[in-house]
Protein backbone atom coordinates (compact mmCIF):
# COMPACT_ATOMS: atom_id res chain seq x y z
CA UNK A 1 20.11 -0.87 31.30
CA UNK A 2 20.55 2.47 29.39
CA UNK A 3 24.34 2.56 29.74
CA UNK A 4 24.51 -1.11 28.66
CA UNK A 5 22.01 -0.53 25.61
CA UNK A 6 24.21 2.60 24.46
CA UNK A 7 27.28 0.70 24.59
CA UNK A 8 25.55 -2.18 22.49
CA UNK A 9 24.19 0.17 19.95
CA UNK A 10 27.76 1.95 19.65
CA UNK A 11 29.25 -1.48 18.91
CA UNK A 12 26.33 -2.56 16.33
CA UNK A 13 26.77 0.48 14.39
CA UNK A 14 30.53 0.48 14.56
CA UNK A 15 30.61 -3.20 13.26
CA UNK A 16 28.29 -2.31 10.33
CA UNK A 17 30.41 0.86 9.52
CA UNK A 18 27.45 3.07 10.06
CA UNK A 19 28.29 6.76 10.84
CA UNK A 20 26.05 7.80 13.75
CA UNK A 21 25.65 11.16 12.18
CA UNK A 22 23.92 9.58 9.84
CA UNK A 23 21.13 8.01 12.20
CA UNK A 24 18.44 9.26 14.22
CA UNK A 25 17.30 6.86 16.96
CA UNK A 26 14.92 6.89 19.79
CA UNK A 27 14.00 4.04 22.31
CA UNK A 28 11.44 4.73 24.89
CA UNK A 29 9.76 2.78 27.74
CA UNK A 30 6.74 4.29 29.32
CA UNK A 31 7.49 8.03 29.81
CA UNK A 32 11.46 7.75 29.41
CA UNK A 33 13.71 7.51 26.70
CA UNK A 34 16.38 4.79 27.57
CA UNK A 35 18.17 5.62 24.56
CA UNK A 36 18.57 8.55 21.91
CA UNK A 37 20.83 9.72 19.08
CA UNK A 38 20.18 12.78 16.87
CA UNK A 39 16.95 13.04 18.60
CA UNK A 40 15.34 16.11 16.82
CA UNK A 41 17.50 15.80 13.64
CA UNK A 42 15.32 15.77 10.73
CA UNK A 43 15.67 12.66 8.05
CA UNK A 44 13.80 11.46 5.04
CA UNK A 45 11.59 8.89 6.62
CA UNK A 46 10.28 7.10 3.44
CA UNK A 47 7.35 4.54 4.26
CA UNK A 48 7.37 4.86 8.33
CA UNK A 49 5.50 8.23 7.03
CA UNK A 50 2.49 5.73 7.01
CA UNK A 51 2.62 5.64 10.68
CA UNK A 52 1.72 9.26 10.63
CA UNK A 53 -1.12 8.57 8.29
CA UNK A 54 -2.16 5.71 10.23
CA UNK A 55 -2.67 7.99 13.12
CA UNK A 56 -4.85 10.36 11.37
CA UNK A 57 -6.90 7.67 9.91
CA UNK A 58 -7.64 6.03 13.15
CA UNK A 59 -8.48 9.48 14.63
CA UNK A 60 -10.79 10.57 11.94
CA UNK A 61 -12.51 7.28 10.45
CA UNK A 62 -14.69 5.43 12.62
CA UNK A 63 -13.58 1.80 13.25
CA UNK A 64 -17.15 0.79 11.72
CA UNK A 65 -16.67 2.92 8.62
CA UNK A 66 -17.52 0.94 5.24
CA UNK A 67 -16.63 2.22 1.87
CA UNK A 68 -19.61 1.50 -0.45
CA UNK A 69 -19.61 0.62 -4.13
CA UNK A 70 -22.65 0.68 -6.03
CA UNK A 71 -24.63 -0.34 -9.34
CA UNK A 72 -27.25 1.82 -10.76
CA UNK A 73 -29.35 1.18 -13.89
CA UNK A 74 -31.61 3.78 -15.81
CA UNK A 75 -32.79 1.30 -18.36
CA UNK A 76 -30.39 2.05 -20.81
CA UNK A 77 -26.75 2.37 -19.23
CA UNK A 78 -25.22 0.70 -16.10
CA UNK A 79 -23.57 3.00 -13.56
CA UNK A 80 -20.61 1.74 -11.50
CA UNK A 81 -20.17 4.19 -8.76
CA UNK A 82 -17.19 4.40 -6.53
CA UNK A 83 -16.89 5.46 -2.92
CA UNK A 84 -13.38 5.26 -2.47
CA UNK A 85 -13.07 1.88 -1.43
CA UNK A 86 -9.11 0.93 -1.36
CA UNK A 87 -9.95 -2.81 -0.76
CA UNK A 88 -12.21 -3.44 -3.73
CA UNK A 89 -11.03 -6.63 -5.64
CA UNK A 90 -12.41 -9.44 -7.85
CA UNK A 91 -14.43 -11.19 -4.97
CA UNK A 92 -16.00 -7.89 -4.31
CA UNK A 93 -17.04 -7.35 -7.85
CA UNK A 94 -18.44 -10.83 -8.16
CA UNK A 95 -20.60 -9.94 -5.24
CA UNK A 96 -21.98 -7.03 -7.14
CA UNK A 97 -22.52 -9.05 -10.40
CA UNK A 98 -24.28 -12.01 -8.79
CA UNK A 99 -26.48 -9.60 -6.78
CA UNK A 100 -27.17 -7.76 -10.21
CA UNK A 101 -28.02 -11.11 -12.03
CA UNK A 102 -31.00 -11.70 -9.88
CA UNK A 103 -32.57 -8.43 -11.30
CA UNK A 104 -33.10 -10.52 -14.21
CA UNK A 105 -31.66 -7.92 -16.66
CA UNK A 106 -30.16 -10.04 -19.51
CA UNK A 107 -28.70 -7.11 -21.56
CA UNK A 108 -27.51 -3.82 -21.06
CA UNK A 109 -28.45 -1.76 -24.14
CA UNK A 110 -26.22 1.09 -23.43
CA UNK A 111 -22.84 1.73 -21.78
CA UNK A 112 -21.14 0.93 -18.60
CA UNK A 113 -20.35 4.42 -17.13
CA UNK A 114 -17.96 4.69 -14.28
CA UNK A 115 -18.49 7.32 -11.82
CA UNK A 116 -15.47 8.07 -9.43
CA UNK A 117 -16.30 11.76 -8.88
CA UNK A 118 -16.20 11.07 -5.16
CA UNK A 119 -12.38 11.93 -5.48
CA UNK A 120 -10.79 14.15 -7.95
CA UNK A 121 -9.08 12.87 -11.18
CA UNK A 122 -5.56 13.43 -10.09
CA UNK A 123 -4.19 9.62 -10.40
CA UNK A 124 -0.61 10.32 -9.65
CA UNK A 125 -0.13 13.27 -7.13
CA UNK A 126 2.76 15.65 -7.48
CA UNK A 127 4.05 14.85 -4.15
CA UNK A 128 4.95 11.17 -5.11
CA UNK A 129 8.34 10.74 -6.74
CA UNK A 130 8.42 12.12 -10.08
CA UNK A 131 9.53 9.47 -12.25
CA UNK A 132 6.74 6.91 -13.00
CA UNK A 133 7.12 3.08 -12.83
CA UNK A 134 4.77 0.54 -13.74
CA UNK A 135 5.24 -1.60 -10.61
CA UNK A 136 2.21 -1.84 -8.29
CA UNK A 137 3.54 0.06 -5.79
CA UNK A 138 3.20 3.10 -7.90
CA UNK A 139 -0.25 2.31 -8.64
CA UNK A 140 -2.83 5.67 -9.56
CA UNK A 141 -5.53 6.38 -7.37
CA UNK A 142 -9.30 6.76 -8.09
CA UNK A 143 -12.72 6.65 -6.18
CA UNK A 144 -13.47 3.57 -8.22
CA UNK A 145 -10.44 1.39 -8.16
CA UNK A 146 -10.12 -2.41 -8.62
CA UNK A 147 -7.59 -4.93 -7.45
CA UNK A 148 -5.35 -2.13 -6.28
CA UNK A 149 -5.37 -0.59 -9.76
CA UNK A 150 -2.77 -3.60 -10.89
CA UNK A 151 -3.02 -6.58 -12.90
CA UNK A 152 -1.16 -10.02 -12.17
CA UNK A 153 0.87 -11.36 -14.95
CA UNK A 154 1.53 -15.17 -14.31
CA UNK A 155 4.35 -16.96 -16.11
CA UNK A 156 5.05 -20.40 -15.87
CA UNK A 157 7.24 -22.73 -18.18
CA UNK A 158 5.60 -24.67 -21.00
CA UNK A 159 5.77 -28.54 -21.54
CA UNK A 160 7.91 -28.41 -24.45
CA UNK A 161 11.19 -26.99 -24.90
CA UNK A 162 11.74 -24.02 -27.33
CA UNK A 163 8.02 -23.19 -27.10
CA UNK A 164 6.07 -20.57 -25.58
CA UNK A 165 5.78 -20.48 -21.75
CA UNK A 166 2.24 -20.03 -20.28
CA UNK A 167 1.52 -16.47 -19.76
CA UNK A 168 -1.78 -15.43 -18.22
CA UNK A 169 -3.37 -12.12 -17.05
CA UNK A 170 -5.26 -12.10 -13.95
CA UNK A 171 -8.08 -11.27 -13.99
CA UNK A 172 -8.58 -11.90 -17.61
CA UNK A 173 -9.54 -8.80 -19.26
CA UNK A 174 -9.70 -6.88 -22.55
CA UNK A 175 -8.27 -3.85 -20.99
CA UNK A 176 -4.66 -5.01 -22.00
CA UNK A 177 -3.68 -6.94 -24.89
CA UNK A 178 -1.19 -9.77 -23.94
CA UNK A 179 1.76 -10.37 -26.37
CA UNK A 180 3.65 -13.62 -25.50
CA UNK A 181 7.12 -13.74 -26.77
CA UNK A 182 8.50 -16.21 -24.43
CA UNK A 183 10.54 -19.49 -24.86
CA UNK A 184 10.72 -22.43 -22.52
CA UNK A 185 14.30 -23.59 -22.20
CA UNK A 186 15.54 -27.04 -20.85
CA UNK A 187 18.86 -25.88 -19.45
CA UNK A 188 20.55 -22.56 -20.47
CA UNK A 189 18.52 -19.19 -20.49
CA UNK A 190 19.87 -16.71 -22.92
CA UNK A 191 17.19 -13.92 -22.69
CA UNK A 192 16.13 -12.31 -19.74
CA UNK A 193 12.62 -12.35 -18.69
CA UNK A 194 11.26 -8.91 -19.22
CA UNK A 195 7.49 -7.60 -18.95
CA UNK A 196 6.91 -4.24 -20.74
CA UNK A 197 3.69 -2.54 -20.25
CA UNK A 198 2.47 0.10 -22.79
CA UNK A 199 -0.24 2.20 -21.09
CA UNK A 200 -1.04 4.25 -23.92
CA UNK A 201 -1.77 1.15 -26.24
CA UNK A 202 -2.90 -1.00 -23.24
CA UNK A 203 -0.38 -3.68 -24.30
CA UNK A 204 1.63 -6.03 -22.18
CA UNK A 205 4.35 -7.69 -23.84
CA UNK A 206 6.39 -10.71 -22.27
CA UNK A 207 9.70 -11.59 -23.75
CA UNK A 208 12.52 -13.83 -22.45
CA UNK A 209 13.36 -17.46 -21.54
CA UNK A 210 11.71 -19.62 -18.89
CA UNK A 211 13.36 -22.61 -17.29
CA UNK A 212 11.41 -25.88 -18.06
CA UNK A 213 10.35 -27.39 -14.85
CA UNK A 214 10.52 -24.25 -12.70
CA UNK A 215 7.61 -22.89 -10.72
CA UNK A 216 4.88 -20.23 -11.74
CA UNK A 217 5.91 -16.82 -10.93
CA UNK A 218 3.69 -13.77 -10.39
CA UNK A 219 4.41 -10.10 -11.50
CA UNK A 220 2.39 -6.90 -10.59
CA UNK A 221 1.95 -4.17 -12.86
CA UNK A 222 -0.17 -1.03 -12.48
CA UNK A 223 -2.73 0.35 -14.63
CA UNK A 224 -3.10 4.01 -15.95
CA UNK A 225 -6.86 4.47 -16.13
CA UNK A 226 -8.46 3.01 -12.74
CA UNK A 227 -11.89 3.93 -13.81
CA UNK A 228 -11.76 2.31 -17.04
CA UNK A 229 -9.90 -0.70 -15.79
CA UNK A 230 -12.92 -1.27 -13.15
CA UNK A 231 -15.41 -0.81 -15.77
CA UNK A 232 -13.89 -3.36 -18.25
CA UNK A 233 -13.53 -5.92 -15.75
CA UNK A 234 -17.09 -5.18 -14.67
CA UNK A 235 -18.12 -5.98 -18.44
CA UNK A 236 -16.24 -9.12 -18.41
CA UNK A 237 -17.61 -10.73 -15.03
CA UNK A 238 -21.10 -9.72 -16.52
CA UNK A 239 -20.30 -11.70 -19.52
CA UNK A 240 -19.44 -14.65 -17.53
CA UNK A 241 -22.99 -14.64 -16.28
CA UNK A 242 -24.38 -14.13 -19.92
CA UNK A 243 -25.24 -10.51 -19.40
CA UNK A 244 -24.25 -8.60 -22.65
CA UNK A 245 -23.33 -5.05 -22.88
CA UNK A 246 -24.09 -3.62 -25.86
CA UNK A 247 -22.26 -0.13 -25.47
CA UNK A 248 -18.69 0.97 -24.20
CA UNK A 249 -16.86 1.67 -21.24
CA UNK A 250 -17.21 5.42 -20.28
CA UNK A 251 -16.31 7.84 -17.57
CA UNK A 252 -19.24 9.74 -16.33
CA UNK A 253 -21.63 10.65 -13.49
CA UNK A 254 -24.71 8.73 -11.98
CA UNK A 255 -27.91 10.76 -12.99
CA UNK A 256 -30.26 11.14 -10.07
CA UNK A 257 -33.19 9.48 -11.58
CA UNK A 258 -31.21 6.11 -12.00
CA UNK A 259 -32.24 3.23 -9.87
CA UNK A 260 -29.81 1.76 -7.32
CA UNK A 261 -29.79 -1.94 -7.65
CA UNK A 262 -26.89 -3.19 -5.69
CA UNK A 263 -24.72 -1.93 -2.80
CA UNK A 264 -21.29 -3.56 -1.52
CA UNK A 265 -19.78 -2.51 1.60
CA UNK A 266 -15.98 -2.84 2.19
CA UNK A 267 -14.27 -4.71 4.66
CA UNK A 268 -13.42 -3.48 8.31
CA UNK A 269 -11.13 -0.61 8.66
CA UNK A 270 -8.77 -2.59 10.48
CA UNK A 271 -8.42 -4.94 7.83
CA UNK A 272 -7.68 -2.22 5.26
CA UNK A 273 -5.11 -0.65 7.57
CA UNK A 274 -3.34 -3.97 7.63
CA UNK A 275 -3.58 -3.85 3.51
CA UNK A 276 -1.58 -0.58 3.92
CA UNK A 277 0.83 -1.29 6.61
CA UNK A 278 1.75 -5.13 6.29
CA UNK A 279 3.14 -4.44 2.71
CA UNK A 280 3.67 -0.89 2.88
CA UNK A 281 0.93 -0.15 0.26
CA UNK A 282 1.32 3.51 -1.19
CA UNK A 283 -1.86 3.37 -3.11
CA UNK A 284 -3.87 2.38 -0.02
CA UNK A 285 -2.26 5.29 2.10
CA UNK A 286 -3.28 7.72 -0.72
CA UNK A 287 -6.79 6.29 -0.84
CA UNK A 288 -7.00 6.76 2.79
CA UNK A 289 -5.95 10.50 2.56
CA UNK A 290 -8.39 11.24 -0.01
CA UNK A 291 -10.97 9.63 2.16
CA UNK A 292 -9.79 12.02 4.98
CA UNK A 293 -10.41 14.81 2.77
CA UNK A 294 -14.02 13.69 1.71
CA UNK A 295 -14.95 13.02 5.36
CA UNK A 296 -13.90 16.63 6.10
CA UNK A 297 -16.34 17.67 3.57
CA UNK A 298 -14.62 18.37 0.43
CA UNK A 299 -16.00 17.23 -2.79
CA UNK A 300 -14.30 15.97 -4.92
CA UNK A 301 -11.86 15.01 -2.40
CA UNK A 302 -8.17 15.94 -3.03
CA UNK A 303 -5.05 14.47 -1.61
CA UNK A 304 -3.66 17.97 -0.59
CA UNK A 305 -6.72 18.29 1.76
CA UNK A 306 -6.37 15.02 3.29
CA UNK A 307 -2.69 15.77 3.99
CA UNK A 308 -3.64 18.98 5.60
CA UNK A 309 -5.89 16.66 7.91
CA UNK A 310 -2.62 14.71 8.75
CA UNK A 311 -0.83 17.87 9.49
CA UNK A 312 -3.44 19.23 11.61
CA UNK A 313 -3.52 16.16 13.91
CA UNK A 314 0.27 16.20 14.16
CA UNK A 315 0.09 19.80 15.27
CA UNK A 316 -2.46 18.84 17.87
CA UNK A 317 0.16 16.53 19.64
CA UNK A 318 2.27 19.72 20.30
CA UNK A 319 4.49 18.84 17.08
CA UNK A 320 5.56 22.09 14.76
CA UNK A 321 6.64 22.73 11.60
CA UNK A 322 10.48 22.16 12.77
CA UNK A 323 9.42 18.66 13.82
CA UNK A 324 8.05 17.29 10.64
CA UNK A 325 7.27 17.95 6.96
CA UNK A 326 4.46 15.66 5.49
CA UNK A 327 3.79 16.32 2.02
CA UNK A 328 2.86 12.64 0.67
CA UNK A 329 0.89 10.21 3.06
CA UNK A 330 2.72 7.04 1.83
CA UNK A 331 6.37 8.26 2.03
CA UNK A 332 7.03 7.59 -1.59
CA UNK A 333 8.87 11.06 -1.80
CA UNK A 334 12.11 12.37 -0.90
CA UNK A 335 10.59 15.69 0.33
CA UNK A 336 8.95 14.34 3.68
CA UNK A 337 10.94 14.98 6.70
CA UNK A 338 10.48 13.42 10.34
CA UNK A 339 12.87 13.24 13.28
CA UNK A 340 13.01 10.19 15.80
CA UNK A 341 11.56 12.61 18.26
CA UNK A 342 8.35 13.06 16.09
CA UNK A 343 7.86 9.34 15.46
CA UNK A 344 8.26 8.79 19.01
CA UNK A 345 5.42 11.32 19.98
CA UNK A 346 3.09 9.73 17.58
CA UNK A 347 4.07 6.14 18.71
CA UNK A 348 3.31 7.14 22.25
CA UNK A 349 -0.02 8.81 21.31
CA UNK A 350 -1.24 5.67 19.58
CA UNK A 351 -0.16 3.30 22.54
CA UNK A 352 -1.89 5.37 25.11
CA UNK A 353 -5.21 5.64 23.34
CA UNK A 354 -6.87 1.93 23.87
CA UNK A 355 -9.61 3.07 21.29
CA UNK A 356 -6.72 2.89 18.32
CA UNK A 357 -3.70 0.75 19.80
CA UNK A 358 -5.12 -2.72 19.24
CA UNK A 359 -6.07 -1.63 15.46
CA UNK A 360 -2.74 -0.16 14.93
CA UNK A 361 -0.83 -3.01 16.43
CA UNK A 362 -2.83 -5.70 14.17
CA UNK A 363 -1.96 -4.00 11.09
CA UNK A 364 1.80 -3.68 11.63
CA UNK A 365 4.24 -6.29 10.28
CA UNK A 366 5.37 -8.94 12.86
CA UNK A 367 9.17 -9.80 13.10
CA UNK A 368 9.86 -13.26 11.48
CA UNK A 369 6.03 -13.69 10.86
CA UNK A 370 4.58 -11.73 8.16
CA UNK A 371 4.58 -8.44 5.95
CA UNK A 372 7.78 -6.56 5.14
CA UNK A 373 9.10 -8.27 8.53
CA UNK A 374 8.71 -11.62 7.51
CA UNK A 375 12.31 -12.75 6.83
CA UNK A 376 13.75 -10.39 9.41
CA UNK A 377 14.94 -11.25 13.00
CA UNK A 378 14.29 -15.22 12.49
CA UNK A 379 15.76 -17.30 15.17
CA UNK A 380 16.35 -14.49 17.42
CA UNK A 381 15.00 -13.08 20.72
CA UNK A 382 13.10 -10.61 18.73
CA UNK A 383 11.27 -13.01 16.56
CA UNK A 384 7.47 -12.33 17.06
CA UNK A 385 8.29 -9.71 19.72
CA UNK A 386 8.47 -6.72 17.11
CA UNK A 387 5.78 -5.01 15.57
CA UNK A 388 6.89 -2.18 13.13
CA UNK A 389 6.65 -0.17 9.92
CA UNK A 390 9.68 -0.54 7.56
CA UNK A 391 10.74 2.08 5.30
CA UNK A 392 13.14 2.19 2.05
CA UNK A 393 14.09 4.53 -0.66
CA UNK A 394 17.63 4.88 -2.10
CA UNK A 395 19.97 6.09 0.71
CA UNK A 396 17.06 5.83 3.11
CA UNK A 397 16.47 2.89 5.54
CA UNK A 398 13.85 3.50 8.50
CA UNK A 399 12.08 1.11 11.17
CA UNK A 400 9.42 2.42 13.82
CA UNK A 401 6.83 0.69 16.06
CA UNK A 402 6.91 -1.43 19.28
CA UNK A 403 9.05 -4.09 20.77
CA UNK A 404 7.52 -6.34 23.56
CA UNK A 405 9.19 -7.83 26.48
CA UNK A 406 8.05 -11.19 27.80
CA UNK A 407 7.44 -9.42 30.90
CA UNK A 408 4.79 -7.44 29.26
CA UNK A 409 6.70 -4.17 28.82
CA UNK A 410 6.32 -2.31 25.59
CA UNK A 411 9.21 -0.35 23.92
CA UNK A 412 8.72 2.33 21.45
CA UNK A 413 11.37 2.79 18.84
CA UNK A 414 12.08 4.77 15.82
CA UNK A 415 15.39 4.22 13.73
CA UNK A 416 16.00 6.65 10.59
CA UNK A 417 19.09 6.31 8.28
CA UNK A 418 19.98 8.59 5.59
CA UNK A 419 23.48 7.98 4.07
CA UNK A 420 25.49 5.87 1.61
CA UNK A 421 25.91 2.48 3.30
CA UNK A 422 24.35 -0.53 1.82
CA UNK A 423 20.77 -0.67 2.78
CA UNK A 424 21.03 -4.31 3.63
CA UNK A 425 23.81 -3.52 6.36
CA UNK A 426 21.60 -0.88 7.82
CA UNK A 427 18.49 -3.15 8.08
CA UNK A 428 20.88 -5.90 9.62
CA UNK A 429 22.03 -3.28 12.24
CA UNK A 430 18.69 -1.89 12.98
CA UNK A 431 17.27 -5.67 13.66
CA UNK A 432 20.64 -6.37 15.78
CA UNK A 433 19.52 -3.31 18.25
CA UNK A 434 16.21 -4.93 18.44
CA UNK A 435 17.70 -8.33 19.35
CA UNK A 436 19.79 -6.52 21.77
CA UNK A 437 17.03 -4.65 23.47
CA UNK A 438 15.02 -7.86 23.74
CA UNK A 439 17.71 -10.17 24.69
């Protein structure tokens, strides 16, 4: 099989005009590599770095771990205390508010004070790409985070031509001021739809034309100050339960004499890991890594300490500084380095540990079914039989994970490309390799 597979891969790379020198690849079955190319050459891995983070998370965080978010009250101020939950969203905030409502406290005479001192106050670590963007994949990190520290902007054409389109922020909040400068058009669109976020002034301005009769579209934009974002939404949710907050939203610590009134516990670790891997969520990767630091005893927790935990776990597998460079746990950087060999070692370690392997598999995108592989390998022999993490940066394409045969054999594979070829062609080539493997 190895000889035939080698010929197939050579043909696939040539067909897509991919220089083999720009590719690191390994395909393994049990303890044998059935194909390899540039096995130990270092490449920028992009988001398959999250597999290294996943390994460390599964080794260090119990599957039963729940991250806690708490409400305290001292008779004047209401304290929202974050415990590093990467998955805290609107439904969870509603739980806190509904539980608080039963305390029969109708007015908060003071402030909402948000306590996120479980982590440090570095929102955008220097290990990330240095240029900030307002998209949700570049969301900030904080121990008290809400809705992935992003706001949804829904845009739908209005019923009347040359009138405003419907633009709604979700959740509705006072953190952002919405400026709607859109126009619903019946035929020709003369202006591109642009959503501009001014983080300093907390203003979202939507301009451009929207085609009448079109469907509603959602756009996701990050926030700059997660603690105030969480506090503002808490205030809005309380108001919907007729609980008035007299004061402001502030950042501070919970006093020791405040009374704990409500605790919310996060969903399971396996579901949060899927949040990270299915859609390659950089924010969740960094939240996990700061939790690694916190669980190691650091207060407040820093990303650099969490990254050291990841590095330590990789070295425990026999990997050395010549095999990898991990500076950012999400892979949203051009400074990480890994080889196909490094990825193969980690994939094997996870596959061989039954305690972790089912959880990891469940977290990975499935070819032709969901996540970042939903549209890939459709109507092929590989559809539904590949579970893998994708990676992408300019000039970087990667894919690593597991491919299952119908007879139950499971291949491990890692493909890394750094070069000038069009990324779509590289992705197609990688997919064809897996189709050939599973034919």
